[in-house]
Amino acid sequence: MSNTPTRAAADKSHVSRANPTGLAPDKPTLQAPDETDGEGEADRIAALWDRYAETRDSDLRCRLVEHYLPLVHRVVERIGRRLPMEVDQDDLIQQGCFGLMDAIDSFEPSRQVKFETFASLRIAGAAVDYLRTIDWAPRLVRQRSRILANAKRELRQSLGREPTDQEAASHLDLGGEKFARLRRDAEVVHTVSMQAPGNATEDDTSCLGDVIEAANTPSPDHVAMCSELKDAIGRHLSRAERLIVILYYYEKMTMREIGQTLEMSESRVSQIHSAILPRLREALQGRGVLPSAGSSR
């Protein structure tokens, strides 16, 4: 018999050499997450601080600003909860970024102070300074408004109802004239911006300035009535009659002045004017603008 090993034997010999135990190899296992990732990030930021402290490189500063930008959002969000809706959050975030950059420039890592604590004060300070610049009310007025608000809150808690002005004045130990001045200053503070949202729905982007009607704004019915009246004047009156209407109702001239202008007697002008009114009324009733004489209002 030949001593040449068969192919099966050779394969078996190869497997035996690769896996002497002859058992199936273990299944690969998933590697557990590296618990040092957080420490690696902290080391990277610490190294970034060291390099920036040495070089004051603007690119390194931008990387630090980008890293701590979520801190700005958190501080501004906390401040914004106590502000009226018309204050733009984006403006506060911008000012907070200025505070963050100032904190980065003035921070000294060697003092062993946590940067987040140090920067939060600078960010909040920048936002508050901005709010003061856009606040039209003097600080003294704001202070008086808070005094009255705190007094009313204390009385509301003790009485279980809204306190009267006399009770608030007695609580603050103020006379009538001084309390009136205090209340007047407090009322001045509570204003509403015309840019404030005019509706409570999220889809409605209108502001109060869009929905509040001006005192001199004519109603749609009045506009329609004037349009129909002008059309009736042009269709149903002669040239002299139209002049009398224009001079009397639009130019506010008297009957005597109209007669002198049109070379008519005052009585003739009055006679024509008296004849115009029923014709115009009839024309407007025919158009449905005015109710007819027999219809109910």
Protein backbone atom coordinates (compact mmCIF):
# COMPACT_ATOMS: atom_id res chain seq x y z
CA MET A 1 0.00 0.00 0.00
CA SER A 2 1.19 3.48 -0.78
CA ASN A 3 2.36 5.63 2.08
CA THR A 4 0.92 8.77 0.43
CA PRO A 5 -1.70 10.24 2.75
CA THR A 6 -5.18 10.72 1.38
CA ARG A 7 -6.70 14.20 0.91
CA ALA A 8 -9.13 13.57 3.79
CA ALA A 9 -6.29 12.60 6.08
CA ALA A 10 -4.34 15.67 5.04
CA ASP A 11 -7.29 17.90 5.76
CA LYS A 12 -7.78 16.23 9.12
CA SER A 13 -4.09 16.69 9.92
CA HIS A 14 -4.37 20.37 8.97
CA VAL A 15 -7.40 20.85 11.21
CA SER A 16 -5.61 19.06 14.06
CA ARG A 17 -2.68 21.41 13.76
CA ALA A 18 -4.93 24.48 13.63
CA ASN A 19 -7.17 23.30 16.49
CA PRO A 20 -5.41 20.61 18.50
CA THR A 21 -8.44 20.03 20.72
CA GLY A 22 -10.66 19.13 17.83
CA LEU A 23 -13.51 21.17 19.33
CA ALA A 24 -15.47 23.90 17.52
CA PRO A 25 -13.99 27.34 18.09
CA ASP A 26 -15.80 29.70 20.46
CA LYS A 27 -18.22 32.26 18.98
CA PRO A 28 -16.89 35.81 18.92
CA THR A 29 -18.21 37.95 21.78
CA LEU A 30 -19.17 41.66 21.62
CA GLN A 31 -16.70 43.87 23.40
CA ALA A 32 -18.16 45.86 26.30
CA PRO A 33 -18.17 49.68 25.90
CA ASP A 34 -15.06 51.37 27.05
CA GLU A 35 -15.87 52.98 30.39
CA THR A 36 -12.98 55.36 29.92
CA ASP A 37 -14.66 57.28 27.05
CA GLY A 38 -15.89 59.98 29.44
CA GLU A 39 -12.46 60.24 30.97
CA GLY A 40 -10.97 60.53 27.48
CA GLU A 41 -13.25 63.43 26.65
CA ALA A 42 -12.36 65.17 29.91
CA ASP A 43 -8.67 64.67 29.18
CA ARG A 44 -9.14 66.10 25.68
CA ILE A 45 -10.86 69.24 27.03
CA ALA A 46 -8.19 69.62 29.71
CA ALA A 47 -5.48 69.41 27.06
CA LEU A 48 -7.40 71.93 24.97
CA TRP A 49 -7.46 74.32 27.92
CA ASP A 50 -3.72 73.91 28.46
CA ARG A 51 -2.96 74.64 24.80
CA TYR A 52 -5.27 77.66 24.76
CA ALA A 53 -3.73 79.04 27.96
CA GLU A 54 -0.31 78.89 26.32
CA THR A 55 -1.13 80.09 22.79
CA ARG A 56 -4.42 82.02 23.03
CA ASP A 57 -5.16 80.65 19.59
CA SER A 58 -8.50 81.76 18.13
CA ASP A 59 -9.21 78.32 16.64
CA LEU A 60 -8.78 76.71 20.06
CA ARG A 61 -11.08 79.33 21.52
CA CYS A 62 -13.76 78.52 18.93
CA ARG A 63 -13.50 74.83 19.81
CA LEU A 64 -14.02 75.65 23.48
CA VAL A 65 -17.02 77.84 22.65
CA GLU A 66 -18.51 75.04 20.58
CA HIS A 67 -17.98 72.55 23.39
CA TYR A 68 -19.65 74.74 26.05
CA LEU A 69 -22.46 76.07 23.82
CA PRO A 70 -25.08 73.76 25.44
CA LEU A 71 -24.28 75.51 28.74
CA VAL A 72 -25.41 78.81 27.19
CA HIS A 73 -28.72 77.29 26.14
CA ARG A 74 -29.35 75.90 29.62
CA VAL A 75 -28.63 79.21 31.36
CA VAL A 76 -30.72 81.24 28.90
CA GLU A 77 -33.60 78.79 29.14
CA ARG A 78 -33.59 79.12 32.92
CA ILE A 79 -33.65 82.93 32.68
CA GLY A 80 -36.27 82.95 29.91
CA ARG A 81 -38.87 81.20 32.05
CA ARG A 82 -39.38 84.42 34.03
CA LEU A 83 -39.49 86.75 31.02
CA PRO A 84 -42.43 87.93 28.88
CA MET A 85 -42.99 86.22 25.56
CA GLU A 86 -41.90 89.21 23.47
CA VAL A 87 -38.28 88.86 24.63
CA ASP A 88 -36.42 87.11 21.83
CA GLN A 89 -34.62 83.98 23.05
CA ASP A 90 -32.17 84.15 20.15
CA ASP A 91 -31.02 87.59 21.28
CA LEU A 92 -30.43 86.24 24.79
CA ILE A 93 -28.47 83.28 23.41
CA GLN A 94 -26.30 85.65 21.41
CA GLN A 95 -25.56 87.72 24.50
CA GLY A 96 -24.92 84.52 26.45
CA CYS A 97 -22.32 83.52 23.86
CA PHE A 98 -20.57 86.83 24.45
CA GLY A 99 -20.55 86.02 28.16
CA LEU A 100 -19.16 82.57 27.41
CA MET A 101 -16.32 84.00 25.33
CA ASP A 102 -15.52 86.46 28.10
CA ALA A 103 -15.46 83.59 30.60
CA ILE A 104 -13.10 81.59 28.39
CA ASP A 105 -10.73 84.54 28.06
CA SER A 106 -10.63 85.27 31.79
CA PHE A 107 -10.72 81.69 33.14
CA GLU A 108 -7.62 80.38 34.90
CA PRO A 109 -7.55 76.55 35.11
CA SER A 110 -4.78 76.71 37.71
CA ARG A 111 -7.25 77.95 40.32
CA GLN A 112 -8.96 74.54 40.34
CA VAL A 113 -12.41 76.10 39.84
CA LYS A 114 -14.98 74.26 37.74
CA PHE A 115 -15.39 76.16 34.50
CA GLU A 116 -19.13 75.44 34.18
CA THR A 117 -19.79 77.23 37.48
CA PHE A 118 -17.58 80.16 36.55
CA ALA A 119 -19.03 80.49 33.04
CA SER A 120 -22.67 80.22 34.17
CA LEU A 121 -22.28 83.44 36.16
CA ARG A 122 -20.73 85.26 33.20
CA ILE A 123 -23.41 83.98 30.79
CA ALA A 124 -26.25 84.97 33.10
CA GLY A 125 -24.64 88.36 33.74
CA ALA A 126 -24.37 89.10 30.02
CA ALA A 127 -28.03 88.15 29.48
CA VAL A 128 -29.22 90.30 32.40
CA ASP A 129 -27.15 93.27 31.22
CA TYR A 130 -28.79 92.99 27.81
CA LEU A 131 -32.25 92.87 29.38
CA ARG A 132 -31.47 96.06 31.28
CA THR A 133 -30.49 97.85 28.07
CA ILE A 134 -33.85 97.06 26.42
CA ASP A 135 -35.89 97.77 29.57
CA TRP A 136 -37.47 101.23 29.30
CA ALA A 137 -38.53 101.43 32.97
CA PRO A 138 -36.00 102.85 35.48
CA ARG A 139 -34.64 100.51 38.13
CA LEU A 140 -36.38 102.47 40.90
CA VAL A 141 -39.75 101.93 39.21
CA ARG A 142 -39.05 98.21 38.91
CA GLN A 143 -38.12 98.10 42.59
CA ARG A 144 -41.38 99.77 43.61
CA SER A 145 -43.33 97.38 41.43
CA ARG A 146 -41.71 94.39 43.16
CA ILE A 147 -42.47 95.87 46.60
CA LEU A 148 -46.17 96.14 45.77
CA ALA A 149 -46.26 92.70 44.14
CA ASN A 150 -44.62 91.06 47.16
CA ALA A 151 -47.00 92.80 49.57
CA LYS A 152 -50.05 91.68 47.61
CA ARG A 153 -48.74 88.13 47.41
CA GLU A 154 -48.26 87.97 51.19
CA LEU A 155 -51.74 89.38 51.79
CA ARG A 156 -53.24 86.99 49.26
CA GLN A 157 -51.73 84.05 51.09
CA SER A 158 -52.92 85.23 54.51
CA LEU A 159 -56.39 86.43 53.49
CA GLY A 160 -57.18 83.81 50.89
CA ARG A 161 -58.44 86.46 48.45
CA GLU A 162 -57.27 89.45 46.48
CA PRO A 163 -56.39 92.30 48.91
CA THR A 164 -57.84 95.78 48.56
CA ASP A 165 -55.71 98.90 48.09
CA GLN A 166 -56.41 99.95 51.68
CA GLU A 167 -55.17 96.60 53.01
CA ALA A 168 -52.04 96.80 50.85
CA ALA A 169 -51.33 100.36 52.00
CA SER A 170 -51.77 99.34 55.64
CA HIS A 171 -49.50 96.31 55.14
CA LEU A 172 -46.78 98.55 53.70
CA ASP A 173 -47.42 101.28 56.32
CA LEU A 174 -47.88 103.91 53.61
CA GLY A 175 -50.19 106.88 53.50
CA GLY A 176 -52.71 107.44 50.77
CA GLU A 177 -50.56 109.71 48.61
CA LYS A 178 -47.41 107.58 48.88
CA PHE A 179 -49.33 104.38 48.16
CA ALA A 180 -51.00 106.02 45.14
CA ARG A 181 -47.56 106.92 43.77
CA LEU A 182 -46.34 103.38 44.39
CA ARG A 183 -49.34 101.87 42.62
CA ARG A 184 -49.00 104.30 39.72
CA ASP A 185 -45.38 103.29 39.19
CA ALA A 186 -46.34 99.60 39.36
CA GLU A 187 -49.04 100.08 36.74
CA VAL A 188 -46.59 101.79 34.42
CA VAL A 189 -44.34 98.74 34.50
CA HIS A 190 -47.08 96.35 33.40
CA THR A 191 -47.28 97.10 29.71
CA VAL A 192 -47.94 94.78 26.78
CA SER A 193 -45.88 94.86 23.62
CA MET A 194 -47.70 95.24 20.32
CA GLN A 195 -45.42 92.44 19.10
CA ALA A 196 -46.83 90.02 21.67
CA PRO A 197 -48.70 87.01 20.20
CA GLY A 198 -52.30 87.90 19.54
CA ASN A 199 -53.65 84.35 19.73
CA ALA A 200 -52.99 81.27 21.82
CA THR A 201 -52.75 78.83 18.90
CA GLU A 202 -49.35 77.64 17.72
CA ASP A 203 -50.22 78.04 14.01
CA ASP A 204 -51.28 81.67 14.41
CA THR A 205 -48.26 83.94 14.11
CA SER A 206 -50.18 87.22 14.32
CA CYS A 207 -49.32 89.77 16.99
CA LEU A 208 -51.47 92.20 18.95
CA GLY A 209 -50.65 94.99 16.54
CA ASP A 210 -52.29 92.95 13.78
CA VAL A 211 -55.52 92.15 15.61
CA ILE A 212 -56.20 95.31 17.62
CA GLU A 213 -58.42 97.67 15.69
CA ALA A 214 -57.35 101.30 15.61
CA ALA A 215 -59.81 103.85 16.91
CA ASN A 216 -60.03 105.65 13.56
CA THR A 217 -60.22 102.52 11.41
CA PRO A 218 -63.59 102.35 9.59
CA SER A 219 -65.57 99.15 9.79
CA PRO A 220 -66.06 97.03 6.63
CA ASP A 221 -69.78 97.94 6.63
CA HIS A 222 -68.92 101.63 6.68
CA VAL A 223 -66.46 101.22 3.79
CA ALA A 224 -69.07 99.35 1.75
CA MET A 225 -71.71 101.98 2.50
CA CYS A 226 -69.43 104.81 1.34
CA SER A 227 -68.60 102.97 -1.86
CA GLU A 228 -72.27 102.42 -2.68
CA LEU A 229 -73.10 106.03 -1.85
CA LYS A 230 -70.41 107.41 -4.16
CA ASP A 231 -71.65 105.17 -6.96
CA ALA A 232 -75.25 106.28 -6.40
CA ILE A 233 -74.21 109.94 -6.44
CA GLY A 234 -72.46 109.48 -9.77
CA ARG A 235 -75.34 107.55 -11.36
CA HIS A 236 -78.46 109.36 -10.09
CA LEU A 237 -77.47 113.03 -9.63
CA SER A 238 -76.82 115.80 -12.10
CA ARG A 239 -73.61 117.77 -12.17
CA ALA A 240 -75.04 120.65 -10.09
CA GLU A 241 -76.51 118.22 -7.57
CA ARG A 242 -73.19 116.39 -7.25
CA LEU A 243 -71.42 119.69 -6.60
CA ILE A 244 -73.87 120.59 -3.85
CA VAL A 245 -73.31 117.22 -2.15
CA ILE A 246 -69.53 117.51 -2.41
CA LEU A 247 -69.39 121.10 -1.22
CA TYR A 248 -71.81 120.55 1.65
CA TYR A 249 -70.73 117.13 3.00
CA TYR A 250 -67.06 116.94 2.02
CA GLU A 251 -65.92 120.59 1.90
CA LYS A 252 -68.14 121.50 4.89
CA MET A 253 -69.43 124.66 3.19
CA THR A 254 -72.66 126.36 4.26
CA MET A 255 -75.72 126.76 2.01
CA ARG A 256 -74.90 130.46 1.60
CA GLU A 257 -71.29 129.71 0.55
CA ILE A 258 -72.46 127.04 -1.89
CA GLY A 259 -74.96 129.47 -3.42
CA GLN A 260 -72.26 132.08 -3.90
CA THR A 261 -69.95 129.51 -5.50
CA LEU A 262 -72.62 128.16 -7.88
CA GLU A 263 -74.28 131.56 -8.40
CA MET A 264 -77.56 130.39 -6.85
CA SER A 265 -79.69 131.71 -4.05
CA GLU A 266 -79.39 130.07 -0.65
CA SER A 267 -83.03 128.98 -0.81
CA ARG A 268 -82.49 127.33 -4.19
CA VAL A 269 -79.49 125.40 -2.88
CA SER A 270 -81.55 124.27 0.14
CA GLN A 271 -84.41 123.20 -2.16
CA ILE A 272 -82.10 121.10 -4.37
CA HIS A 273 -80.45 119.56 -1.31
CA SER A 274 -83.85 118.58 0.12
CA ALA A 275 -84.77 116.86 -3.15
CA ILE A 276 -81.45 114.97 -3.32
CA LEU A 277 -81.76 113.09 -0.02
CA PRO A 278 -84.89 111.01 -0.76
CA ARG A 279 -83.54 110.07 -4.20
CA LEU A 280 -80.27 108.85 -2.74
CA ARG A 281 -82.10 106.98 0.01
CA GLU A 282 -84.30 105.26 -2.56
CA ALA A 283 -81.28 104.32 -4.66
CA LEU A 284 -79.48 102.79 -1.69
CA GLN A 285 -82.61 100.90 -0.66
CA GLY A 286 -82.86 99.47 -4.17
CA ARG A 287 -79.27 98.21 -3.85
CA GLY A 288 -80.03 96.60 -0.50
CA VAL A 289 -77.61 98.85 1.34
CA LEU A 290 -80.36 100.52 3.38
CA PRO A 291 -83.50 98.75 4.65
CA SER A 292 -86.72 99.72 2.93
CA ALA A 293 -89.30 101.81 4.76
CA GLY A 294 -91.62 98.85 5.36
CA SER A 295 -88.95 96.36 6.50
CA SER A 296 -88.13 95.71 10.15
CA ARG A 297 -84.63 96.42 11.48
